[in-house]
Amino acid sequence: MKKFIALFLLIVQLPVLAQTKVMTYNIRNSHAADGVNAWNKRKESFVAVIRKVNPDILGTQEVLLNQLKYLKTTLSDYESFGVGRNDGKHKGEHSALFFKKDKYEKVQGGNFWLSETPGVPGSKSWDAALTRICSWVELKEKSSSKLFFVFNTHFDHKGKIARRNSAALIHHFIDSLAGSNPVIVTGDFNLVPTDAGYTTMVDQSYRVPLKDSYTEGALPYTDCGFEVSNKDCHRIDYIFSSPQYTKSDYIVHTDNNGKYYPSDHLTVSVVLTLK
């Protein structure tokens, strides 16, 4: 009996491994002329997917100010962070991060532009067609005081050089900011796994190497357009993490109304557990 009690006490005292459910979702900007798939016709179904998945951390892309206001109102249990890519305030698309208020505290946060002058709002470089941004936060898990970093971004859709250099730039900021703390990176990277930019993202020679959360056997695509019947799909939305994490429950969510998805991108979620 004494041995049983001692074993029980030992098990109770073992540290609980911190788990974080992470989600990335391209919202599709509300200015697009999408007809039956216009933002106001799908915003409730979009949020319903987020509610169903119930992520701890959510990275979003293409978020315009009216969409950001709606998400802040409807996802009131989350705190958000991010700025508009055009002016560093609220003009243009945001790569906004959301995190559970009851679970995390923001220690610090920042934004940088995917360009040769990352501190200049609205800047773009290389062969990029549009201004692109990365928003990041350092979070403290309230239950354990553990610190970790989350970066969220949206790479250019045309510039191959820009995408490769953007990947290297994100690694530079991770290496500069994160120290020995765990790192999560979410986003629409406009990269398939055979592209040079993807190779740069998972290059293990960086001080903080990243790994793709994709799991063999899962749906190998995320970018399908709105129509469920579309078969011309690609995997361009990713959740990367540093070596401190193990991954499980990687899912590409295919919620739809029988004809259309809530966005032109499918959302991805994964559970990351600190080793």
C-alpha atoms as a PDB file:
ATOM      1  CA  MET A   1       0.000   0.000   0.000  1.00  0.00           C
ATOM      2  CA  LYS A   2       2.817   2.405   0.900  1.00  0.00           C
ATOM      3  CA  LYS A   3       4.495   1.700  -2.458  1.00  0.00           C
ATOM      4  CA  PHE A   4       1.227   2.395  -4.244  1.00  0.00           C
ATOM      5  CA  ILE A   5       0.806   5.706  -2.420  1.00  0.00           C
ATOM      6  CA  ALA A   6       4.403   6.687  -3.167  1.00  0.00           C
ATOM      7  CA  LEU A   7       3.930   5.875  -6.861  1.00  0.00           C
ATOM      8  CA  PHE A   8       0.672   7.849  -6.961  1.00  0.00           C
ATOM      9  CA  LEU A   9       2.332  10.888  -5.390  1.00  0.00           C
ATOM     10  CA  LEU A  10       5.180  10.651  -7.878  1.00  0.00           C
ATOM     11  CA  ILE A  11       2.770  10.584 -10.804  1.00  0.00           C
ATOM     12  CA  VAL A  12       0.815  13.546  -9.397  1.00  0.00           C
ATOM     13  CA  GLN A  13       4.027  15.539  -9.062  1.00  0.00           C
ATOM     14  CA  LEU A  14       5.183  14.912 -12.627  1.00  0.00           C
ATOM     15  CA  PRO A  15       5.112  18.111 -14.717  1.00  0.00           C
ATOM     16  CA  VAL A  16       2.174  18.472 -17.101  1.00  0.00           C
ATOM     17  CA  LEU A  17       3.384  18.866 -20.666  1.00  0.00           C
ATOM     18  CA  ALA A  18       2.192  22.131 -22.165  1.00  0.00           C
ATOM     19  CA  GLN A  19      -0.077  21.582 -25.157  1.00  0.00           C
ATOM     20  CA  THR A  20      -1.072  24.257 -27.639  1.00  0.00           C
ATOM     21  CA  LYS A  21      -3.660  23.834 -30.372  1.00  0.00           C
ATOM     22  CA  VAL A  22      -2.582  26.030 -33.275  1.00  0.00           C
ATOM     23  CA  MET A  23      -4.618  27.035 -36.304  1.00  0.00           C
ATOM     24  CA  THR A  24      -3.867  29.044 -39.457  1.00  0.00           C
ATOM     25  CA  TYR A  25      -6.622  30.451 -41.666  1.00  0.00           C
ATOM     26  CA  ASN A  26      -6.598  32.742 -44.702  1.00  0.00           C
ATOM     27  CA  ILE A  27      -9.821  34.714 -44.323  1.00  0.00           C
ATOM     28  CA  ARG A  28     -10.036  35.999 -47.936  1.00  0.00           C
ATOM     29  CA  ASN A  29     -10.201  39.783 -47.886  1.00  0.00           C
ATOM     30  CA  SER A  30     -13.607  41.464 -47.885  1.00  0.00           C
ATOM     31  CA  HIS A  31     -12.825  43.737 -50.859  1.00  0.00           C
ATOM     32  CA  ALA A  32     -12.719  40.810 -53.282  1.00  0.00           C
ATOM     33  CA  ALA A  33     -15.624  40.584 -55.724  1.00  0.00           C
ATOM     34  CA  ASP A  34     -16.684  37.094 -54.664  1.00  0.00           C
ATOM     35  CA  GLY A  35     -20.418  37.245 -55.392  1.00  0.00           C
ATOM     36  CA  VAL A  36     -22.175  34.486 -53.462  1.00  0.00           C
ATOM     37  CA  ASN A  37     -18.987  34.063 -51.424  1.00  0.00           C
ATOM     38  CA  ALA A  38     -18.703  37.702 -50.380  1.00  0.00           C
ATOM     39  CA  TRP A  39     -17.530  38.191 -46.802  1.00  0.00           C
ATOM     40  CA  ASN A  40     -20.898  39.235 -45.372  1.00  0.00           C
ATOM     41  CA  LYS A  41     -22.475  36.050 -46.736  1.00  0.00           C
ATOM     42  CA  ARG A  42     -19.916  33.694 -45.215  1.00  0.00           C
ATOM     43  CA  LYS A  43     -18.527  35.403 -42.113  1.00  0.00           C
ATOM     44  CA  GLU A  44     -20.728  33.436 -39.719  1.00  0.00           C
ATOM     45  CA  SER A  45     -19.700  30.089 -41.214  1.00  0.00           C
ATOM     46  CA  PHE A  46     -16.063  31.222 -41.150  1.00  0.00           C
ATOM     47  CA  VAL A  47     -16.221  31.932 -37.423  1.00  0.00           C
ATOM     48  CA  ALA A  48     -18.163  28.710 -36.853  1.00  0.00           C
ATOM     49  CA  VAL A  49     -15.150  26.739 -38.095  1.00  0.00           C
ATOM     50  CA  ILE A  50     -12.877  28.574 -35.670  1.00  0.00           C
ATOM     51  CA  ARG A  51     -15.283  27.911 -32.835  1.00  0.00           C
ATOM     52  CA  LYS A  52     -15.461  24.219 -33.715  1.00  0.00           C
ATOM     53  CA  VAL A  53     -11.682  23.796 -33.830  1.00  0.00           C
ATOM     54  CA  ASN A  54     -11.283  25.974 -30.716  1.00  0.00           C
ATOM     55  CA  PRO A  55      -7.590  26.806 -31.159  1.00  0.00           C
ATOM     56  CA  ASP A  56      -5.425  28.304 -28.447  1.00  0.00           C
ATOM     57  CA  ILE A  57      -3.480  30.241 -31.086  1.00  0.00           C
ATOM     58  CA  LEU A  58      -4.893  31.416 -34.425  1.00  0.00           C
ATOM     59  CA  GLY A  59      -2.904  32.983 -37.252  1.00  0.00           C
ATOM     60  CA  THR A  60      -5.011  34.785 -39.862  1.00  0.00           C
ATOM     61  CA  GLN A  61      -4.184  36.300 -43.232  1.00  0.00           C
ATOM     62  CA  GLU A  62      -5.790  38.858 -45.590  1.00  0.00           C
ATOM     63  CA  VAL A  63      -7.722  40.462 -42.742  1.00  0.00           C
ATOM     64  CA  LEU A  64      -9.026  43.937 -43.566  1.00  0.00           C
ATOM     65  CA  LEU A  65     -10.099  46.329 -40.815  1.00  0.00           C
ATOM     66  CA  ASN A  66     -13.828  45.586 -41.029  1.00  0.00           C
ATOM     67  CA  GLN A  67     -13.051  41.875 -40.796  1.00  0.00           C
ATOM     68  CA  LEU A  68     -10.685  42.417 -37.873  1.00  0.00           C
ATOM     69  CA  LYS A  69     -13.404  44.311 -35.991  1.00  0.00           C
ATOM     70  CA  TYR A  70     -15.873  41.490 -36.619  1.00  0.00           C
ATOM     71  CA  LEU A  71     -13.440  38.826 -35.434  1.00  0.00           C
ATOM     72  CA  LYS A  72     -12.590  40.822 -32.309  1.00  0.00           C
ATOM     73  CA  THR A  73     -16.280  41.090 -31.479  1.00  0.00           C
ATOM     74  CA  THR A  74     -17.244  37.495 -32.199  1.00  0.00           C
ATOM     75  CA  LEU A  75     -14.066  35.936 -30.791  1.00  0.00           C
ATOM     76  CA  SER A  76     -14.228  37.902 -27.565  1.00  0.00           C
ATOM     77  CA  ASP A  77     -12.342  35.260 -25.584  1.00  0.00           C
ATOM     78  CA  TYR A  78      -9.265  35.959 -27.700  1.00  0.00           C
ATOM     79  CA  GLU A  79      -6.816  38.840 -27.659  1.00  0.00           C
ATOM     80  CA  SER A  80      -5.529  39.959 -31.052  1.00  0.00           C
ATOM     81  CA  PHE A  81      -2.326  41.538 -32.311  1.00  0.00           C
ATOM     82  CA  GLY A  82      -1.250  42.882 -35.697  1.00  0.00           C
ATOM     83  CA  VAL A  83      -1.204  45.951 -37.939  1.00  0.00           C
ATOM     84  CA  GLY A  84      -2.173  46.788 -41.499  1.00  0.00           C
ATOM     85  CA  ARG A  85       0.611  46.023 -43.957  1.00  0.00           C
ATOM     86  CA  ASN A  86       0.245  49.281 -45.918  1.00  0.00           C
ATOM     87  CA  ASP A  87       0.961  51.780 -43.143  1.00  0.00           C
ATOM     88  CA  GLY A  88       1.729  49.879 -39.935  1.00  0.00           C
ATOM     89  CA  LYS A  89      -1.624  50.966 -38.506  1.00  0.00           C
ATOM     90  CA  HIS A  90      -4.857  49.651 -40.007  1.00  0.00           C
ATOM     91  CA  LYS A  91      -4.547  50.322 -43.731  1.00  0.00           C
ATOM     92  CA  GLY A  92      -4.417  47.211 -45.879  1.00  0.00           C
ATOM     93  CA  GLU A  93      -4.408  43.553 -44.939  1.00  0.00           C
ATOM     94  CA  HIS A  94      -3.425  42.371 -41.465  1.00  0.00           C
ATOM     95  CA  SER A  95      -1.701  39.106 -40.608  1.00  0.00           C
ATOM     96  CA  ALA A  96      -3.425  39.214 -37.252  1.00  0.00           C
ATOM     97  CA  LEU A  97      -2.689  36.797 -34.426  1.00  0.00           C
ATOM     98  CA  PHE A  98      -5.336  35.692 -31.928  1.00  0.00           C
ATOM     99  CA  PHE A  99      -4.649  33.920 -28.629  1.00  0.00           C
ATOM    100  CA  LYS A 100      -6.805  32.806 -25.700  1.00  0.00           C
ATOM    101  CA  LYS A 101      -6.977  35.503 -23.042  1.00  0.00           C
ATOM    102  CA  ASP A 102      -7.446  33.080 -20.169  1.00  0.00           C
ATOM    103  CA  LYS A 103      -4.462  30.972 -21.154  1.00  0.00           C
ATOM    104  CA  TYR A 104      -1.794  33.422 -22.313  1.00  0.00           C
ATOM    105  CA  GLU A 105      -0.359  36.818 -21.502  1.00  0.00           C
ATOM    106  CA  LYS A 106       1.373  38.885 -24.180  1.00  0.00           C
ATOM    107  CA  VAL A 107       4.876  39.825 -23.061  1.00  0.00           C
ATOM    108  CA  GLN A 108       5.790  41.753 -26.185  1.00  0.00           C
ATOM    109  CA  GLY A 109       4.956  41.889 -29.877  1.00  0.00           C
ATOM    110  CA  GLY A 110       6.049  43.467 -33.113  1.00  0.00           C
ATOM    111  CA  ASN A 111       5.750  43.599 -36.882  1.00  0.00           C
ATOM    112  CA  PHE A 112       8.247  43.605 -39.718  1.00  0.00           C
ATOM    113  CA  TRP A 113       7.890  43.907 -43.452  1.00  0.00           C
ATOM    114  CA  LEU A 114       9.115  41.232 -45.834  1.00  0.00           C
ATOM    115  CA  SER A 115      11.567  43.497 -47.602  1.00  0.00           C
ATOM    116  CA  GLU A 116      15.142  44.757 -47.535  1.00  0.00           C
ATOM    117  CA  THR A 117      13.932  47.437 -45.088  1.00  0.00           C
ATOM    118  CA  PRO A 118      11.823  45.366 -42.676  1.00  0.00           C
ATOM    119  CA  GLY A 119      11.302  48.245 -40.267  1.00  0.00           C
ATOM    120  CA  VAL A 120       9.717  50.500 -42.909  1.00  0.00           C
ATOM    121  CA  PRO A 121       5.902  50.205 -43.045  1.00  0.00           C
ATOM    122  CA  GLY A 122       4.567  49.496 -46.514  1.00  0.00           C
ATOM    123  CA  SER A 123       7.955  48.526 -47.935  1.00  0.00           C
ATOM    124  CA  LYS A 124       8.466  45.765 -50.505  1.00  0.00           C
ATOM    125  CA  SER A 125      11.524  44.413 -52.292  1.00  0.00           C
ATOM    126  CA  TRP A 126      12.889  41.845 -54.706  1.00  0.00           C
ATOM    127  CA  ASP A 127      10.243  40.637 -57.181  1.00  0.00           C
ATOM    128  CA  ALA A 128       7.285  40.959 -54.792  1.00  0.00           C
ATOM    129  CA  ALA A 129       4.019  42.096 -56.358  1.00  0.00           C
ATOM    130  CA  LEU A 130       2.596  43.405 -53.069  1.00  0.00           C
ATOM    131  CA  THR A 131       3.654  44.657 -49.660  1.00  0.00           C
ATOM    132  CA  ARG A 132       3.884  41.752 -47.206  1.00  0.00           C
ATOM    133  CA  ILE A 133       4.158  41.648 -43.424  1.00  0.00           C
ATOM    134  CA  CYS A 134       4.923  39.339 -40.513  1.00  0.00           C
ATOM    135  CA  SER A 135       3.421  39.922 -37.055  1.00  0.00           C
ATOM    136  CA  TRP A 136       4.802  38.237 -33.961  1.00  0.00           C
ATOM    137  CA  VAL A 137       4.157  37.955 -30.236  1.00  0.00           C
ATOM    138  CA  GLU A 138       5.982  36.577 -27.240  1.00  0.00           C
ATOM    139  CA  LEU A 139       3.459  34.839 -25.011  1.00  0.00           C
ATOM    140  CA  LYS A 140       3.595  33.567 -21.445  1.00  0.00           C
ATOM    141  CA  GLU A 141       1.467  30.586 -20.564  1.00  0.00           C
ATOM    142  CA  LYS A 142      -0.302  31.655 -17.373  1.00  0.00           C
ATOM    143  CA  SER A 143      -0.438  28.191 -15.816  1.00  0.00           C
ATOM    144  CA  SER A 144       3.285  27.487 -16.145  1.00  0.00           C
ATOM    145  CA  SER A 145       4.951  30.869 -16.893  1.00  0.00           C
ATOM    146  CA  LYS A 146       6.563  29.216 -19.927  1.00  0.00           C
ATOM    147  CA  LEU A 147       7.516  31.658 -22.684  1.00  0.00           C
ATOM    148  CA  PHE A 148       7.223  31.059 -26.413  1.00  0.00           C
ATOM    149  CA  PHE A 149       7.056  33.029 -29.665  1.00  0.00           C
ATOM    150  CA  VAL A 150       4.488  32.977 -32.452  1.00  0.00           C
ATOM    151  CA  PHE A 151       5.093  34.454 -35.913  1.00  0.00           C
ATOM    152  CA  ASN A 152       2.319  34.822 -38.489  1.00  0.00           C
ATOM    153  CA  THR A 153       2.752  35.883 -42.108  1.00  0.00           C
ATOM    154  CA  HIS A 154       1.541  35.911 -45.707  1.00  0.00           C
ATOM    155  CA  PHE A 155       4.176  35.572 -48.429  1.00  0.00           C
ATOM    156  CA  ASP A 156       3.932  37.144 -51.856  1.00  0.00           C
ATOM    157  CA  HIS A 157       1.887  35.253 -54.434  1.00  0.00           C
ATOM    158  CA  LYS A 158       4.116  36.042 -57.435  1.00  0.00           C
ATOM    159  CA  GLY A 159       7.707  36.715 -56.380  1.00  0.00           C
ATOM    160  CA  LYS A 160       9.769  33.536 -56.139  1.00  0.00           C
ATOM    161  CA  ILE A 161      12.838  35.460 -54.995  1.00  0.00           C
ATOM    162  CA  ALA A 162      10.693  37.392 -52.532  1.00  0.00           C
ATOM    163  CA  ARG A 163       9.331  34.182 -51.023  1.00  0.00           C
ATOM    164  CA  ARG A 164      12.779  32.654 -50.606  1.00  0.00           C
ATOM    165  CA  ASN A 165      14.187  35.842 -49.095  1.00  0.00           C
ATOM    166  CA  SER A 166      11.121  36.270 -46.884  1.00  0.00           C
ATOM    167  CA  ALA A 167      11.731  32.807 -45.444  1.00  0.00           C
ATOM    168  CA  ALA A 168      15.345  33.732 -44.685  1.00  0.00           C
ATOM    169  CA  LEU A 169      14.220  37.028 -43.140  1.00  0.00           C
ATOM    170  CA  ILE A 170      11.778  35.281 -40.819  1.00  0.00           C
ATOM    171  CA  HIS A 171      14.576  32.965 -39.700  1.00  0.00           C
ATOM    172  CA  HIS A 172      16.741  36.018 -39.032  1.00  0.00           C
ATOM    173  CA  PHE A 173      14.089  37.542 -36.759  1.00  0.00           C
ATOM    174  CA  ILE A 174      13.459  34.223 -35.016  1.00  0.00           C
ATOM    175  CA  ASP A 175      17.159  33.784 -34.352  1.00  0.00           C
ATOM    176  CA  SER A 176      17.390  37.380 -33.080  1.00  0.00           C
ATOM    177  CA  LEU A 177      14.295  37.388 -30.868  1.00  0.00           C
ATOM    178  CA  ALA A 178      13.494  33.924 -29.579  1.00  0.00           C
ATOM    179  CA  GLY A 179      16.687  32.916 -27.814  1.00  0.00           C
ATOM    180  CA  SER A 180      16.176  29.405 -26.440  1.00  0.00           C
ATOM    181  CA  ASN A 181      12.381  29.744 -26.281  1.00  0.00           C
ATOM    182  CA  PRO A 182      10.036  27.595 -28.395  1.00  0.00           C
ATOM    183  CA  VAL A 183       8.784  29.054 -31.684  1.00  0.00           C
ATOM    184  CA  ILE A 184       5.629  28.564 -33.757  1.00  0.00           C
ATOM    185  CA  VAL A 185       5.206  30.005 -37.267  1.00  0.00           C
ATOM    186  CA  THR A 186       1.848  30.127 -39.054  1.00  0.00           C
ATOM    187  CA  GLY A 187       0.810  31.502 -42.388  1.00  0.00           C
ATOM    188  CA  ASP A 188      -0.143  31.411 -46.029  1.00  0.00           C
ATOM    189  CA  PHE A 189       3.286  31.014 -47.589  1.00  0.00           C
ATOM    190  CA  ASN A 190       2.193  30.691 -51.221  1.00  0.00           C
ATOM    191  CA  LEU A 191       4.749  27.876 -51.416  1.00  0.00           C
ATOM    192  CA  VAL A 192       4.397  24.223 -52.290  1.00  0.00           C
ATOM    193  CA  PRO A 193       6.877  21.843 -50.642  1.00  0.00           C
ATOM    194  CA  THR A 194       9.062  21.674 -53.767  1.00  0.00           C
ATOM    195  CA  ASP A 195       9.707  25.446 -53.814  1.00  0.00           C
ATOM    196  CA  ALA A 196      12.991  27.023 -52.747  1.00  0.00           C
ATOM    197  CA  GLY A 197      11.227  29.159 -50.154  1.00  0.00           C
ATOM    198  CA  TYR A 198       9.844  26.055 -48.443  1.00  0.00           C
ATOM    199  CA  THR A 199      13.328  24.519 -48.443  1.00  0.00           C
ATOM    200  CA  THR A 200      14.567  27.667 -46.708  1.00  0.00           C
ATOM    201  CA  MET A 201      11.799  27.490 -44.089  1.00  0.00           C
ATOM    202  CA  VAL A 202      12.802  23.952 -43.099  1.00  0.00           C
ATOM    203  CA  ASP A 203      16.564  24.441 -43.488  1.00  0.00           C
ATOM    204  CA  GLN A 204      18.003  22.776 -40.384  1.00  0.00           C
ATOM    205  CA  SER A 205      21.211  24.843 -40.422  1.00  0.00           C
ATOM    206  CA  TYR A 206      19.547  27.852 -38.776  1.00  0.00           C
ATOM    207  CA  ARG A 207      20.134  28.411 -35.070  1.00  0.00           C
ATOM    208  CA  VAL A 208      16.414  27.776 -34.494  1.00  0.00           C
ATOM    209  CA  PRO A 209      15.455  25.155 -37.092  1.00  0.00           C
ATOM    210  CA  LEU A 210      11.804  24.672 -37.990  1.00  0.00           C
ATOM    211  CA  LYS A 211       9.827  21.607 -38.965  1.00  0.00           C
ATOM    212  CA  ASP A 212       6.597  21.341 -40.916  1.00  0.00           C
ATOM    213  CA  SER A 213       3.608  20.071 -38.916  1.00  0.00           C
ATOM    214  CA  TYR A 214       2.185  18.183 -41.872  1.00  0.00           C
ATOM    215  CA  THR A 215       1.553  14.496 -41.147  1.00  0.00           C
ATOM    216  CA  GLU A 216       1.619  11.794 -43.796  1.00  0.00           C
ATOM    217  CA  GLY A 217      -1.868  10.641 -44.640  1.00  0.00           C
ATOM    218  CA  ALA A 218      -3.493  14.020 -44.027  1.00  0.00           C
ATOM    219  CA  LEU A 219      -5.053  15.945 -46.901  1.00  0.00           C
ATOM    220  CA  PRO A 220      -2.120  17.213 -48.994  1.00  0.00           C
ATOM    221  CA  TYR A 221      -3.722  20.536 -49.939  1.00  0.00           C
ATOM    222  CA  THR A 222      -5.107  23.738 -48.411  1.00  0.00           C
ATOM    223  CA  ASP A 223      -5.686  26.113 -51.354  1.00  0.00           C
ATOM    224  CA  CYS A 224      -8.761  25.050 -53.322  1.00  0.00           C
ATOM    225  CA  GLY A 225     -10.823  28.153 -53.971  1.00  0.00           C
ATOM    226  CA  PHE A 226     -14.375  28.372 -52.681  1.00  0.00           C
ATOM    227  CA  GLU A 227     -15.917  25.544 -54.679  1.00  0.00           C
ATOM    228  CA  VAL A 228     -15.944  22.118 -53.028  1.00  0.00           C
ATOM    229  CA  SER A 229     -15.909  20.490 -56.474  1.00  0.00           C
ATOM    230  CA  ASN A 230     -12.578  22.089 -57.388  1.00  0.00           C
ATOM    231  CA  LYS A 231      -9.758  19.539 -57.637  1.00  0.00           C
ATOM    232  CA  ASP A 232      -6.947  21.919 -58.614  1.00  0.00           C
ATOM    233  CA  CYS A 233      -5.615  22.297 -55.078  1.00  0.00           C
ATOM    234  CA  HIS A 234      -2.209  22.971 -53.510  1.00  0.00           C
ATOM    235  CA  ARG A 235      -0.661  22.893 -50.045  1.00  0.00           C
ATOM    236  CA  ILE A 236       0.507  26.438 -49.297  1.00  0.00           C
ATOM    237  CA  ASP A 237      -0.720  27.056 -45.715  1.00  0.00           C
ATOM    238  CA  TYR A 238       1.592  25.818 -42.970  1.00  0.00           C
ATOM    239  CA  ILE A 239       2.268  25.574 -39.273  1.00  0.00           C
ATOM    240  CA  PHE A 240       5.978  25.277 -38.496  1.00  0.00           C
ATOM    241  CA  SER A 241       7.509  24.743 -35.065  1.00  0.00           C
ATOM    242  CA  SER A 242      10.895  24.584 -33.356  1.00  0.00           C
ATOM    243  CA  PRO A 243      12.443  21.324 -32.056  1.00  0.00           C
ATOM    244  CA  GLN A 244      11.045  21.793 -28.526  1.00  0.00           C
ATOM    245  CA  TYR A 245       7.652  20.640 -29.820  1.00  0.00           C
ATOM    246  CA  THR A 246       6.208  17.326 -30.848  1.00  0.00           C
ATOM    247  CA  LYS A 247       3.166  17.382 -33.126  1.00  0.00           C
ATOM    248  CA  SER A 248      -0.099  15.457 -33.143  1.00  0.00           C
ATOM    249  CA  ASP A 249      -3.618  15.693 -34.547  1.00  0.00           C
ATOM    250  CA  TYR A 250      -2.694  17.552 -37.741  1.00  0.00           C
ATOM    251  CA  ILE A 251      -5.975  18.244 -39.550  1.00  0.00           C
ATOM    252  CA  VAL A 252      -6.980  20.055 -42.731  1.00  0.00           C
ATOM    253  CA  HIS A 253     -10.574  21.100 -42.065  1.00  0.00           C
ATOM    254  CA  THR A 254     -12.985  20.790 -44.986  1.00  0.00           C
ATOM    255  CA  ASP A 255     -16.173  22.263 -43.465  1.00  0.00           C
ATOM    256  CA  ASN A 256     -18.553  23.398 -46.198  1.00  0.00           C
ATOM    257  CA  ASN A 257     -22.239  23.972 -47.001  1.00  0.00           C
ATOM    258  CA  GLY A 258     -22.304  21.315 -49.699  1.00  0.00           C
ATOM    259  CA  LYS A 259     -21.114  23.658 -52.417  1.00  0.00           C
ATOM    260  CA  TYR A 260     -18.736  26.227 -50.953  1.00  0.00           C
ATOM    261  CA  TYR A 261     -16.063  26.445 -48.273  1.00  0.00           C
ATOM    262  CA  PRO A 262     -16.167  29.390 -45.807  1.00  0.00           C
ATOM    263  CA  SER A 263     -12.984  30.750 -47.420  1.00  0.00           C
ATOM    264  CA  ASP A 264     -10.941  30.090 -50.548  1.00  0.00           C
ATOM    265  CA  HIS A 265      -8.369  28.408 -48.281  1.00  0.00           C
ATOM    266  CA  LEU A 266      -8.937  25.440 -46.019  1.00  0.00           C
ATOM    267  CA  THR A 267      -7.821  25.878 -42.455  1.00  0.00           C
ATOM    268  CA  VAL A 268      -5.124  23.761 -40.803  1.00  0.00           C
ATOM    269  CA  SER A 269      -4.782  22.888 -37.131  1.00  0.00           C
ATOM    270  CA  VAL A 270      -2.276  20.904 -35.106  1.00  0.00           C
ATOM    271  CA  VAL A 271      -1.597  20.169 -31.439  1.00  0.00           C
ATOM    272  CA  LEU A 272       1.941  21.047 -30.389  1.00  0.00           C
ATOM    273  CA  THR A 273       3.294  19.608 -27.148  1.00  0.00           C
ATOM    274  CA  LEU A 274       6.443  20.773 -25.410  1.00  0.00           C
ATOM    275  CA  LYS A 275       8.861  17.892 -24.917  1.00  0.00           C
END
